[in-house]
Amino acid sequence: MFNIFYQSHTGSWAILIILFLITYFTRQKVTLMLQRLFYLIMIVSGVGMLAQLNFPLHYVIKGILAIVLIGVMEMMVARKRKGNPMAAMWIVLIILFALVLLLAYNVIG
């Protein structure tokens, strides 16, 4: 069961990053809705893996940072449509993404 959650989680993250870039650089509503669907898939599979592992603190922190990362992605898409400056948001996005990856692969731990 853990392998199913793991594969859907990693796959949804890969697709989510691609959908985010498409949504950010184009103005398509379909990709935004697909992006939100993959948020849900990623969150459900992540919680499933946490339950299988009995909620270790290391991965709980990674999950919280991942949810903050999702919020930053949503804010970036909204700010882009309004025409607000984005330099600081890109820096936050890159730092959060790096932290989530480093925590996920036990580089930081």
PDB file of N, CA and C in Angstrom:
ATOM      1  N   MET A   1       0.822  -1.194   0.000  1.00  0.00           N
ATOM      2  CA  MET A   1       0.000   0.000   0.000  1.00  0.00           C
ATOM      3  C   MET A   1       0.865   1.258   0.000  1.00  0.00           C
ATOM      4  N   PHE A   2       1.971   1.197   0.762  1.00  0.00           N
ATOM      5  CA  PHE A   2       2.868   2.351   0.824  1.00  0.00           C
ATOM      6  C   PHE A   2       3.420   2.685  -0.555  1.00  0.00           C
ATOM      7  N   ASN A   3       3.750   1.661  -1.339  1.00  0.00           N
ATOM      8  CA  ASN A   3       4.304   1.882  -2.669  1.00  0.00           C
ATOM      9  C   ASN A   3       3.299   2.592  -3.579  1.00  0.00           C
ATOM     10  N   ILE A   4       2.033   2.275  -3.449  1.00  0.00           N
ATOM     11  CA  ILE A   4       0.994   2.947  -4.241  1.00  0.00           C
ATOM     12  C   ILE A   4       0.941   4.418  -3.886  1.00  0.00           C
ATOM     13  N   PHE A   5       0.935   4.721  -2.580  1.00  0.00           N
ATOM     14  CA  PHE A   5       0.941   6.120  -2.148  1.00  0.00           C
ATOM     15  C   PHE A   5       2.201   6.833  -2.632  1.00  0.00           C
ATOM     16  N   TYR A   6       3.341   6.159  -2.513  1.00  0.00           N
ATOM     17  CA  TYR A   6       4.617   6.775  -2.895  1.00  0.00           C
ATOM     18  C   TYR A   6       4.647   7.108  -4.382  1.00  0.00           C
ATOM     19  N   GLN A   7       4.238   6.149  -5.218  1.00  0.00           N
ATOM     20  CA  GLN A   7       4.261   6.378  -6.659  1.00  0.00           C
ATOM     21  C   GLN A   7       3.291   7.472  -7.085  1.00  0.00           C
ATOM     22  N   SER A   8       2.099   7.488  -6.507  1.00  0.00           N
ATOM     23  CA  SER A   8       1.151   8.542  -6.863  1.00  0.00           C
ATOM     24  C   SER A   8       1.612   9.894  -6.328  1.00  0.00           C
ATOM     25  N   HIS A   9       2.294   9.911  -5.191  1.00  0.00           N
ATOM     26  CA  HIS A   9       2.782  11.155  -4.613  1.00  0.00           C
ATOM     27  C   HIS A   9       3.900  11.760  -5.466  1.00  0.00           C
ATOM     28  N   THR A  10       4.882  10.955  -5.825  1.00  0.00           N
ATOM     29  CA  THR A  10       5.986  11.481  -6.629  1.00  0.00           C
ATOM     30  C   THR A  10       5.521  11.861  -8.027  1.00  0.00           C
ATOM     31  N   GLY A  11       4.643  11.060  -8.601  1.00  0.00           N
ATOM     32  CA  GLY A  11       4.110  11.391  -9.918  1.00  0.00           C
ATOM     33  C   GLY A  11       3.285  12.658  -9.915  1.00  0.00           C
ATOM     34  N   SER A  12       2.488  12.847  -8.864  1.00  0.00           N
ATOM     35  CA  SER A  12       1.663  14.049  -8.799  1.00  0.00           C
ATOM     36  C   SER A  12       2.523  15.293  -8.598  1.00  0.00           C
ATOM     37  N   TRP A  13       3.640  15.174  -7.871  1.00  0.00           N
ATOM     38  CA  TRP A  13       4.538  16.324  -7.723  1.00  0.00           C
ATOM     39  C   TRP A  13       5.161  16.696  -9.061  1.00  0.00           C
ATOM     40  N   ALA A  14       5.579  15.708  -9.829  1.00  0.00           N
ATOM     41  CA  ALA A  14       6.190  15.983 -11.135  1.00  0.00           C
ATOM     42  C   ALA A  14       5.190  16.665 -12.066  1.00  0.00           C
ATOM     43  N   ILE A  15       3.988  16.133 -12.126  1.00  0.00           N
ATOM     44  CA  ILE A  15       2.957  16.717 -12.980  1.00  0.00           C
ATOM     45  C   ILE A  15       2.546  18.089 -12.461  1.00  0.00           C
ATOM     46  N   LEU A  16       2.509  18.249 -11.153  1.00  0.00           N
ATOM     47  CA  LEU A  16       2.124  19.522 -10.541  1.00  0.00           C
ATOM     48  C   LEU A  16       3.090  20.639 -10.921  1.00  0.00           C
ATOM     49  N   ILE A  17       4.369  20.366 -10.912  1.00  0.00           N
ATOM     50  CA  ILE A  17       5.353  21.388 -11.285  1.00  0.00           C
ATOM     51  C   ILE A  17       5.179  21.786 -12.748  1.00  0.00           C
ATOM     52  N   ILE A  18       4.957  20.817 -13.612  1.00  0.00           N
ATOM     53  CA  ILE A  18       4.742  21.117 -15.030  1.00  0.00           C
ATOM     54  C   ILE A  18       3.467  21.938 -15.215  1.00  0.00           C
ATOM     55  N   LEU A  19       2.389  21.541 -14.543  1.00  0.00           N
ATOM     56  CA  LEU A  19       1.127  22.287 -14.651  1.00  0.00           C
ATOM     57  C   LEU A  19       1.256  23.698 -14.093  1.00  0.00           C
ATOM     58  N   PHE A  20       2.015  23.847 -13.011  1.00  0.00           N
ATOM     59  CA  PHE A  20       2.215  25.185 -12.454  1.00  0.00           C
ATOM     60  C   PHE A  20       2.912  26.092 -13.457  1.00  0.00           C
ATOM     61  N   LEU A  21       3.963  25.585 -14.091  1.00  0.00           N
ATOM     62  CA  LEU A  21       4.673  26.406 -15.069  1.00  0.00           C
ATOM     63  C   LEU A  21       3.794  26.758 -16.263  1.00  0.00           C
ATOM     64  N   ILE A  22       3.002  25.806 -16.734  1.00  0.00           N
ATOM     65  CA  ILE A  22       2.081  26.088 -17.845  1.00  0.00           C
ATOM     66  C   ILE A  22       1.049  27.125 -17.421  1.00  0.00           C
ATOM     67  N   THR A  23       0.489  26.967 -16.223  1.00  0.00           N
ATOM     68  CA  THR A  23      -0.520  27.899 -15.735  1.00  0.00           C
ATOM     69  C   THR A  23       0.074  29.280 -15.545  1.00  0.00           C
ATOM     70  N   TYR A  24       1.290  29.352 -15.036  1.00  0.00           N
ATOM     71  CA  TYR A  24       1.912  30.639 -14.754  1.00  0.00           C
ATOM     72  C   TYR A  24       2.221  31.407 -16.035  1.00  0.00           C
ATOM     73  N   PHE A  25       2.756  30.717 -17.037  1.00  0.00           N
ATOM     74  CA  PHE A  25       3.196  31.409 -18.239  1.00  0.00           C
ATOM     75  C   PHE A  25       2.117  31.535 -19.315  1.00  0.00           C
ATOM     76  N   THR A  26       0.993  30.864 -19.146  1.00  0.00           N
ATOM     77  CA  THR A  26      -0.139  31.036 -20.058  1.00  0.00           C
ATOM     78  C   THR A  26      -1.369  31.386 -19.219  1.00  0.00           C
ATOM     79  N   ARG A  27      -2.446  31.706 -19.869  1.00  0.00           N
ATOM     80  CA  ARG A  27      -3.664  32.054 -19.141  1.00  0.00           C
ATOM     81  C   ARG A  27      -4.761  31.023 -19.402  1.00  0.00           C
ATOM     82  N   GLN A  28      -4.464  29.791 -19.134  1.00  0.00           N
ATOM     83  CA  GLN A  28      -5.428  28.727 -19.358  1.00  0.00           C
ATOM     84  C   GLN A  28      -6.087  28.338 -18.046  1.00  0.00           C
ATOM     85  N   LYS A  29      -7.412  28.281 -18.046  1.00  0.00           N
ATOM     86  CA  LYS A  29      -8.118  27.878 -16.829  1.00  0.00           C
ATOM     87  C   LYS A  29      -8.104  26.364 -16.636  1.00  0.00           C
ATOM     88  N   VAL A  30      -7.997  25.629 -17.725  1.00  0.00           N
ATOM     89  CA  VAL A  30      -8.010  24.172 -17.636  1.00  0.00           C
ATOM     90  C   VAL A  30      -6.798  23.685 -16.848  1.00  0.00           C
ATOM     91  N   THR A  31      -5.638  24.252 -17.134  1.00  0.00           N
ATOM     92  CA  THR A  31      -4.446  23.813 -16.418  1.00  0.00           C
ATOM     93  C   THR A  31      -4.509  24.201 -14.941  1.00  0.00           C
ATOM     94  N   LEU A  32      -5.149  25.314 -14.632  1.00  0.00           N
ATOM     95  CA  LEU A  32      -5.303  25.711 -13.232  1.00  0.00           C
ATOM     96  C   LEU A  32      -6.188  24.712 -12.488  1.00  0.00           C
ATOM     97  N   MET A  33      -7.266  24.267 -13.125  1.00  0.00           N
ATOM     98  CA  MET A  33      -8.141  23.276 -12.489  1.00  0.00           C
ATOM     99  C   MET A  33      -7.425  21.927 -12.341  1.00  0.00           C
ATOM    100  N   LEU A  34      -6.652  21.534 -13.354  1.00  0.00           N
ATOM    101  CA  LEU A  34      -5.874  20.297 -13.249  1.00  0.00           C
ATOM    102  C   LEU A  34      -4.821  20.412 -12.160  1.00  0.00           C
ATOM    103  N   GLN A  35      -4.225  21.591 -12.050  1.00  0.00           N
ATOM    104  CA  GLN A  35      -3.239  21.834 -11.000  1.00  0.00           C
ATOM    105  C   GLN A  35      -3.875  21.632  -9.627  1.00  0.00           C
ATOM    106  N   ARG A  36      -5.052  22.136  -9.436  1.00  0.00           N
ATOM    107  CA  ARG A  36      -5.741  21.989  -8.152  1.00  0.00           C
ATOM    108  C   ARG A  36      -6.138  20.537  -7.893  1.00  0.00           C
ATOM    109  N   LEU A  37      -6.477  19.802  -8.939  1.00  0.00           N
ATOM    110  CA  LEU A  37      -6.765  18.379  -8.779  1.00  0.00           C
ATOM    111  C   LEU A  37      -5.518  17.636  -8.298  1.00  0.00           C
ATOM    112  N   PHE A  38      -4.376  17.967  -8.874  1.00  0.00           N
ATOM    113  CA  PHE A  38      -3.144  17.312  -8.460  1.00  0.00           C
ATOM    114  C   PHE A  38      -2.700  17.747  -7.065  1.00  0.00           C
ATOM    115  N   TYR A  39      -3.092  18.936  -6.616  1.00  0.00           N
ATOM    116  CA  TYR A  39      -2.866  19.310  -5.214  1.00  0.00           C
ATOM    117  C   TYR A  39      -3.556  18.298  -4.308  1.00  0.00           C
ATOM    118  N   LEU A  40      -4.808  18.003  -4.632  1.00  0.00           N
ATOM    119  CA  LEU A  40      -5.573  17.066  -3.807  1.00  0.00           C
ATOM    120  C   LEU A  40      -4.960  15.662  -3.830  1.00  0.00           C
ATOM    121  N   ILE A  41      -4.584  15.205  -5.008  1.00  0.00           N
ATOM    122  CA  ILE A  41      -3.961  13.882  -5.110  1.00  0.00           C
ATOM    123  C   ILE A  41      -2.682  13.837  -4.290  1.00  0.00           C
ATOM    124  N   MET A  42      -1.886  14.887  -4.389  1.00  0.00           N
ATOM    125  CA  MET A  42      -0.620  14.948  -3.663  1.00  0.00           C
ATOM    126  C   MET A  42      -0.857  14.969  -2.156  1.00  0.00           C
ATOM    127  N   ILE A  43      -1.824  15.743  -1.696  1.00  0.00           N
ATOM    128  CA  ILE A  43      -2.094  15.827  -0.253  1.00  0.00           C
ATOM    129  C   ILE A  43      -2.624  14.496   0.281  1.00  0.00           C
ATOM    130  N   VAL A  44      -3.556  13.876  -0.428  1.00  0.00           N
ATOM    131  CA  VAL A  44      -4.124  12.599   0.026  1.00  0.00           C
ATOM    132  C   VAL A  44      -3.052  11.512   0.060  1.00  0.00           C
ATOM    133  N   SER A  45      -2.236  11.437  -0.982  1.00  0.00           N
ATOM    134  CA  SER A  45      -1.183  10.412  -0.987  1.00  0.00           C
ATOM    135  C   SER A  45      -0.136  10.698   0.088  1.00  0.00           C
ATOM    136  N   GLY A  46       0.164  11.971   0.342  1.00  0.00           N
ATOM    137  CA  GLY A  46       1.110  12.320   1.392  1.00  0.00           C
ATOM    138  C   GLY A  46       0.606  11.955   2.770  1.00  0.00           C
ATOM    139  N   VAL A  47      -0.659  12.222   3.033  1.00  0.00           N
ATOM    140  CA  VAL A  47      -1.245  11.850   4.322  1.00  0.00           C
ATOM    141  C   VAL A  47      -1.299  10.328   4.449  1.00  0.00           C
ATOM    142  N   GLY A  48      -1.572   9.631   3.353  1.00  0.00           N
ATOM    143  CA  GLY A  48      -1.568   8.168   3.379  1.00  0.00           C
ATOM    144  C   GLY A  48      -0.202   7.611   3.732  1.00  0.00           C
ATOM    145  N   MET A  49       0.846   8.213   3.160  1.00  0.00           N
ATOM    146  CA  MET A  49       2.198   7.758   3.498  1.00  0.00           C
ATOM    147  C   MET A  49       2.536   8.088   4.951  1.00  0.00           C
ATOM    148  N   LEU A  50       2.120   9.269   5.418  1.00  0.00           N
ATOM    149  CA  LEU A  50       2.365   9.617   6.817  1.00  0.00           C
ATOM    150  C   LEU A  50       1.688   8.625   7.760  1.00  0.00           C
ATOM    151  N   ALA A  51       0.474   8.230   7.424  1.00  0.00           N
ATOM    152  CA  ALA A  51      -0.241   7.268   8.272  1.00  0.00           C
ATOM    153  C   ALA A  51       0.469   5.914   8.261  1.00  0.00           C
ATOM    154  N   GLN A  52       0.974   5.504   7.109  1.00  0.00           N
ATOM    155  CA  GLN A  52       1.696   4.234   7.018  1.00  0.00           C
ATOM    156  C   GLN A  52       2.985   4.256   7.847  1.00  0.00           C
ATOM    157  N   LEU A  53       3.609   5.435   7.933  1.00  0.00           N
ATOM    158  CA  LEU A  53       4.872   5.562   8.659  1.00  0.00           C
ATOM    159  C   LEU A  53       4.683   6.004  10.113  1.00  0.00           C
ATOM    160  N   ASN A  54       3.444   6.113  10.563  1.00  0.00           N
ATOM    161  CA  ASN A  54       3.106   6.530  11.929  1.00  0.00           C
ATOM    162  C   ASN A  54       3.534   7.955  12.252  1.00  0.00           C
ATOM    163  N   PHE A  55       3.414   8.854  11.298  1.00  0.00           N
ATOM    164  CA  PHE A  55       3.601  10.296  11.459  1.00  0.00           C
ATOM    165  C   PHE A  55       4.935  10.694  12.090  1.00  0.00           C
ATOM    166  N   PRO A  56       6.058  10.362  11.460  1.00  0.00           N
ATOM    167  CA  PRO A  56       7.346  10.832  11.995  1.00  0.00           C
ATOM    168  C   PRO A  56       7.460  12.351  11.821  1.00  0.00           C
ATOM    169  N   LEU A  57       8.052  13.009  12.798  1.00  0.00           N
ATOM    170  CA  LEU A  57       8.121  14.471  12.823  1.00  0.00           C
ATOM    171  C   LEU A  57       8.820  15.028  11.589  1.00  0.00           C
ATOM    172  N   HIS A  58       9.843  14.363  11.135  1.00  0.00           N
ATOM    173  CA  HIS A  58      10.590  14.795   9.959  1.00  0.00           C
ATOM    174  C   HIS A  58       9.666  14.967   8.748  1.00  0.00           C
ATOM    175  N   TYR A  59       8.808  13.987   8.521  1.00  0.00           N
ATOM    176  CA  TYR A  59       7.922  14.043   7.368  1.00  0.00           C
ATOM    177  C   TYR A  59       6.695  14.924   7.617  1.00  0.00           C
ATOM    178  N   VAL A  60       6.315  15.100   8.849  1.00  0.00           N
ATOM    179  CA  VAL A  60       5.229  16.037   9.154  1.00  0.00           C
ATOM    180  C   VAL A  60       5.677  17.458   8.815  1.00  0.00           C
ATOM    181  N   ILE A  61       6.908  17.803   9.173  1.00  0.00           N
ATOM    182  CA  ILE A  61       7.449  19.121   8.834  1.00  0.00           C
ATOM    183  C   ILE A  61       7.529  19.286   7.314  1.00  0.00           C
ATOM    184  N   LYS A  62       7.940  18.230   6.616  1.00  0.00           N
ATOM    185  CA  LYS A  62       7.979  18.273   5.153  1.00  0.00           C
ATOM    186  C   LYS A  62       6.591  18.509   4.582  1.00  0.00           C
ATOM    187  N   GLY A  63       5.581  17.860   5.161  1.00  0.00           N
ATOM    188  CA  GLY A  63       4.212  18.046   4.696  1.00  0.00           C
ATOM    189  C   GLY A  63       3.713  19.458   4.913  1.00  0.00           C
ATOM    190  N   ILE A  64       4.056  20.037   6.057  1.00  0.00           N
ATOM    191  CA  ILE A  64       3.642  21.417   6.327  1.00  0.00           C
ATOM    192  C   ILE A  64       4.308  22.366   5.334  1.00  0.00           C
ATOM    193  N   LEU A  65       5.596  22.170   5.088  1.00  0.00           N
ATOM    194  CA  LEU A  65       6.282  23.009   4.101  1.00  0.00           C
ATOM    195  C   LEU A  65       5.707  22.810   2.699  1.00  0.00           C
ATOM    196  N   ALA A  66       5.304  21.599   2.378  1.00  0.00           N
ATOM    197  CA  ALA A  66       4.704  21.336   1.062  1.00  0.00           C
ATOM    198  C   ALA A  66       3.366  22.053   0.918  1.00  0.00           C
ATOM    199  N   ILE A  67       2.584  22.109   1.988  1.00  0.00           N
ATOM    200  CA  ILE A  67       1.309  22.822   1.931  1.00  0.00           C
ATOM    201  C   ILE A  67       1.546  24.324   1.799  1.00  0.00           C
ATOM    202  N   VAL A  68       2.571  24.833   2.476  1.00  0.00           N
ATOM    203  CA  VAL A  68       2.940  26.246   2.299  1.00  0.00           C
ATOM    204  C   VAL A  68       3.387  26.491   0.868  1.00  0.00           C
ATOM    205  N   LEU A  69       4.123  25.545   0.292  1.00  0.00           N
ATOM    206  CA  LEU A  69       4.548  25.650  -1.101  1.00  0.00           C
ATOM    207  C   LEU A  69       3.348  25.708  -2.040  1.00  0.00           C
ATOM    208  N   ILE A  70       2.335  24.923  -1.772  1.00  0.00           N
ATOM    209  CA  ILE A  70       1.111  24.966  -2.575  1.00  0.00           C
ATOM    210  C   ILE A  70       0.470  26.349  -2.476  1.00  0.00           C
ATOM    211  N   GLY A  71       0.441  26.898  -1.267  1.00  0.00           N
ATOM    212  CA  GLY A  71      -0.109  28.241  -1.088  1.00  0.00           C
ATOM    213  C   GLY A  71       0.667  29.289  -1.863  1.00  0.00           C
ATOM    214  N   VAL A  72       1.992  29.168  -1.874  1.00  0.00           N
ATOM    215  CA  VAL A  72       2.820  30.108  -2.627  1.00  0.00           C
ATOM    216  C   VAL A  72       2.544  29.981  -4.121  1.00  0.00           C
ATOM    217  N   MET A  73       2.376  28.752  -4.605  1.00  0.00           N
ATOM    218  CA  MET A  73       2.057  28.554  -6.021  1.00  0.00           C
ATOM    219  C   MET A  73       0.731  29.222  -6.383  1.00  0.00           C
ATOM    220  N   GLU A  74      -0.257  29.042  -5.530  1.00  0.00           N
ATOM    221  CA  GLU A  74      -1.563  29.665  -5.783  1.00  0.00           C
ATOM    222  C   GLU A  74      -1.465  31.194  -5.756  1.00  0.00           C
ATOM    223  N   MET A  75      -0.703  31.726  -4.790  1.00  0.00           N
ATOM    224  CA  MET A  75      -0.543  33.175  -4.708  1.00  0.00           C
ATOM    225  C   MET A  75       0.193  33.710  -5.925  1.00  0.00           C
ATOM    226  N   MET A  76       1.156  32.968  -6.426  1.00  0.00           N
ATOM    227  CA  MET A  76       1.892  33.418  -7.605  1.00  0.00           C
ATOM    228  C   MET A  76       1.008  33.492  -8.834  1.00  0.00           C
ATOM    229  N   VAL A  77       0.153  32.503  -9.009  1.00  0.00           N
ATOM    230  CA  VAL A  77      -0.753  32.521 -10.159  1.00  0.00           C
ATOM    231  C   VAL A  77      -1.718  33.707 -10.042  1.00  0.00           C
ATOM    232  N   ALA A  78      -2.239  33.945  -8.838  1.00  0.00           N
ATOM    233  CA  ALA A  78      -3.174  35.060  -8.645  1.00  0.00           C
ATOM    234  C   ALA A  78      -2.486  36.405  -8.838  1.00  0.00           C
ATOM    235  N   ARG A  79      -1.274  36.555  -8.295  1.00  0.00           N
ATOM    236  CA  ARG A  79      -0.553  37.820  -8.431  1.00  0.00           C
ATOM    237  C   ARG A  79      -0.142  38.074  -9.874  1.00  0.00           C
ATOM    238  N   LYS A  80       0.186  37.028 -10.601  1.00  0.00           N
ATOM    239  CA  LYS A  80       0.569  37.176 -12.011  1.00  0.00           C
ATOM    240  C   LYS A  80      -0.613  37.719 -12.808  1.00  0.00           C
ATOM    241  N   ARG A  81      -1.810  37.212 -12.519  1.00  0.00           N
ATOM    242  CA  ARG A  81      -3.000  37.670 -13.237  1.00  0.00           C
ATOM    243  C   ARG A  81      -3.336  39.121 -12.904  1.00  0.00           C
ATOM    244  N   LYS A  82      -2.982  39.559 -11.686  1.00  0.00           N
ATOM    245  CA  LYS A  82      -3.227  40.952 -11.290  1.00  0.00           C
ATOM    246  C   LYS A  82      -2.102  41.875 -11.730  1.00  0.00           C
ATOM    247  N   GLY A  83      -0.969  41.317 -12.115  1.00  0.00           N
ATOM    248  CA  GLY A  83       0.148  42.126 -12.580  1.00  0.00           C
ATOM    249  C   GLY A  83       1.045  42.635 -11.468  1.00  0.00           C
ATOM    250  N   ASN A  84       1.045  42.004 -10.311  1.00  0.00           N
ATOM    251  CA  ASN A  84       1.891  42.413  -9.191  1.00  0.00           C
ATOM    252  C   ASN A  84       3.325  41.910  -9.387  1.00  0.00           C
ATOM    253  N   PRO A  85       4.308  42.567  -8.724  1.00  0.00           N
ATOM    254  CA  PRO A  85       5.699  42.101  -8.837  1.00  0.00           C
ATOM    255  C   PRO A  85       5.889  40.711  -8.240  1.00  0.00           C
ATOM    256  N   MET A  86       6.794  39.938  -8.854  1.00  0.00           N
ATOM    257  CA  MET A  86       6.897  38.527  -8.495  1.00  0.00           C
ATOM    258  C   MET A  86       8.285  38.073  -8.055  1.00  0.00           C
ATOM    259  N   ALA A  87       9.294  38.923  -8.033  1.00  0.00           N
ATOM    260  CA  ALA A  87      10.667  38.481  -7.760  1.00  0.00           C
ATOM    261  C   ALA A  87      10.786  37.796  -6.400  1.00  0.00           C
ATOM    262  N   ALA A  88      10.233  38.386  -5.364  1.00  0.00           N
ATOM    263  CA  ALA A  88      10.326  37.801  -4.023  1.00  0.00           C
ATOM    264  C   ALA A  88       9.588  36.468  -3.950  1.00  0.00           C
ATOM    265  N   MET A  89       8.473  36.360  -4.643  1.00  0.00           N
ATOM    266  CA  MET A  89       7.700  35.115  -4.624  1.00  0.00           C
ATOM    267  C   MET A  89       8.473  33.982  -5.297  1.00  0.00           C
ATOM    268  N   TRP A  90       9.200  34.278  -6.364  1.00  0.00           N
ATOM    269  CA  TRP A  90      10.003  33.251  -7.025  1.00  0.00           C
ATOM    270  C   TRP A  90      11.100  32.749  -6.095  1.00  0.00           C
ATOM    271  N   ILE A  91      11.706  33.666  -5.341  1.00  0.00           N
ATOM    272  CA  ILE A  91      12.758  33.271  -4.403  1.00  0.00           C
ATOM    273  C   ILE A  91      12.188  32.357  -3.321  1.00  0.00           C
ATOM    274  N   VAL A  92      11.025  32.731  -2.776  1.00  0.00           N
ATOM    275  CA  VAL A  92      10.368  31.911  -1.749  1.00  0.00           C
ATOM    276  C   VAL A  92       9.995  30.550  -2.319  1.00  0.00           C
ATOM    277  N   LEU A  93       9.470  30.525  -3.537  1.00  0.00           N
ATOM    278  CA  LEU A  93       9.095  29.264  -4.180  1.00  0.00           C
ATOM    279  C   LEU A  93      10.298  28.344  -4.341  1.00  0.00           C
ATOM    280  N   ILE A  94      11.403  28.865  -4.814  1.00  0.00           N
ATOM    281  CA  ILE A  94      12.597  28.047  -5.038  1.00  0.00           C
ATOM    282  C   ILE A  94      13.151  27.527  -3.717  1.00  0.00           C
ATOM    283  N   ILE A  95      13.186  28.371  -2.688  1.00  0.00           N
ATOM    284  CA  ILE A  95      13.690  27.939  -1.375  1.00  0.00           C
ATOM    285  C   ILE A  95      12.791  26.859  -0.787  1.00  0.00           C
ATOM    286  N   LEU A  96      11.480  27.072  -0.836  1.00  0.00           N
ATOM    287  CA  LEU A  96      10.554  26.065  -0.298  1.00  0.00           C
ATOM    288  C   LEU A  96      10.647  24.756  -1.058  1.00  0.00           C
ATOM    289  N   PHE A  97      10.725  24.838  -2.374  1.00  0.00           N
ATOM    290  CA  PHE A  97      10.815  23.626  -3.184  1.00  0.00           C
ATOM    291  C   PHE A  97      12.097  22.852  -2.860  1.00  0.00           C
ATOM    292  N   ALA A  98      13.197  23.582  -2.707  1.00  0.00           N
ATOM    293  CA  ALA A  98      14.462  22.925  -2.362  1.00  0.00           C
ATOM    294  C   ALA A  98      14.376  22.273  -0.984  1.00  0.00           C
ATOM    295  N   LEU A  99      13.782  22.963  -0.017  1.00  0.00           N
ATOM    296  CA  LEU A  99      13.633  22.390   1.324  1.00  0.00           C
ATOM    297  C   LEU A  99      12.783  21.131   1.313  1.00  0.00           C
ATOM    298  N   VAL A 100      11.683  21.174   0.574  1.00  0.00           N
ATOM    299  CA  VAL A 100      10.791  20.011   0.511  1.00  0.00           C
ATOM    300  C   VAL A 100      11.525  18.821  -0.120  1.00  0.00           C
ATOM    301  N   LEU A 101      12.258  19.066  -1.197  1.00  0.00           N
ATOM    302  CA  LEU A 101      13.018  17.974  -1.825  1.00  0.00           C
ATOM    303  C   LEU A 101      14.109  17.441  -0.910  1.00  0.00           C
ATOM    304  N   LEU A 102      14.828  18.332  -0.243  1.00  0.00           N
ATOM    305  CA  LEU A 102      15.899  17.887   0.654  1.00  0.00           C
ATOM    306  C   LEU A 102      15.356  17.097   1.829  1.00  0.00           C
ATOM    307  N   LEU A 103      14.201  17.501   2.359  1.00  0.00           N
ATOM    308  CA  LEU A 103      13.567  16.748   3.440  1.00  0.00           C
ATOM    309  C   LEU A 103      13.033  15.413   2.937  1.00  0.00           C
ATOM    310  N   ALA A 104      12.490  15.405   1.736  1.00  0.00           N
ATOM    311  CA  ALA A 104      11.899  14.179   1.192  1.00  0.00           C
ATOM    312  C   ALA A 104      12.943  13.086   0.982  1.00  0.00           C
ATOM    313  N   TYR A 105      14.118  13.467   0.546  1.00  0.00           N
ATOM    314  CA  TYR A 105      15.158  12.486   0.267  1.00  0.00           C
ATOM    315  C   TYR A 105      16.183  12.374   1.382  1.00  0.00           C
ATOM    316  N   ASN A 106      15.829  12.830   2.582  1.00  0.00           N
ATOM    317  CA  ASN A 106      16.639  12.706   3.799  1.00  0.00           C
ATOM    318  C   ASN A 106      18.027  13.311   3.683  1.00  0.00           C
ATOM    319  N   VAL A 107      18.179  14.347   2.877  1.00  0.00           N
ATOM    320  CA  VAL A 107      19.439  15.076   2.832  1.00  0.00           C
ATOM    321  C   VAL A 107      19.537  15.944   4.076  1.00  0.00           C
ATOM    322  N   ILE A 108      18.400  16.534   4.456  1.00  0.00           N
ATOM    323  CA  ILE A 108      18.290  17.269   5.719  1.00  0.00           C
ATOM    324  C   ILE A 108      17.486  16.357   6.645  1.00  0.00           C
ATOM    325  N   GLY A 109      17.980  16.137   7.814  1.00  0.00           N
ATOM    326  CA  GLY A 109      17.198  15.295   8.691  1.00  0.00           C
ATOM    327  C   GLY A 109      17.863  15.115  10.002  1.00  0.00           C
TER     328      GLY A 109
END
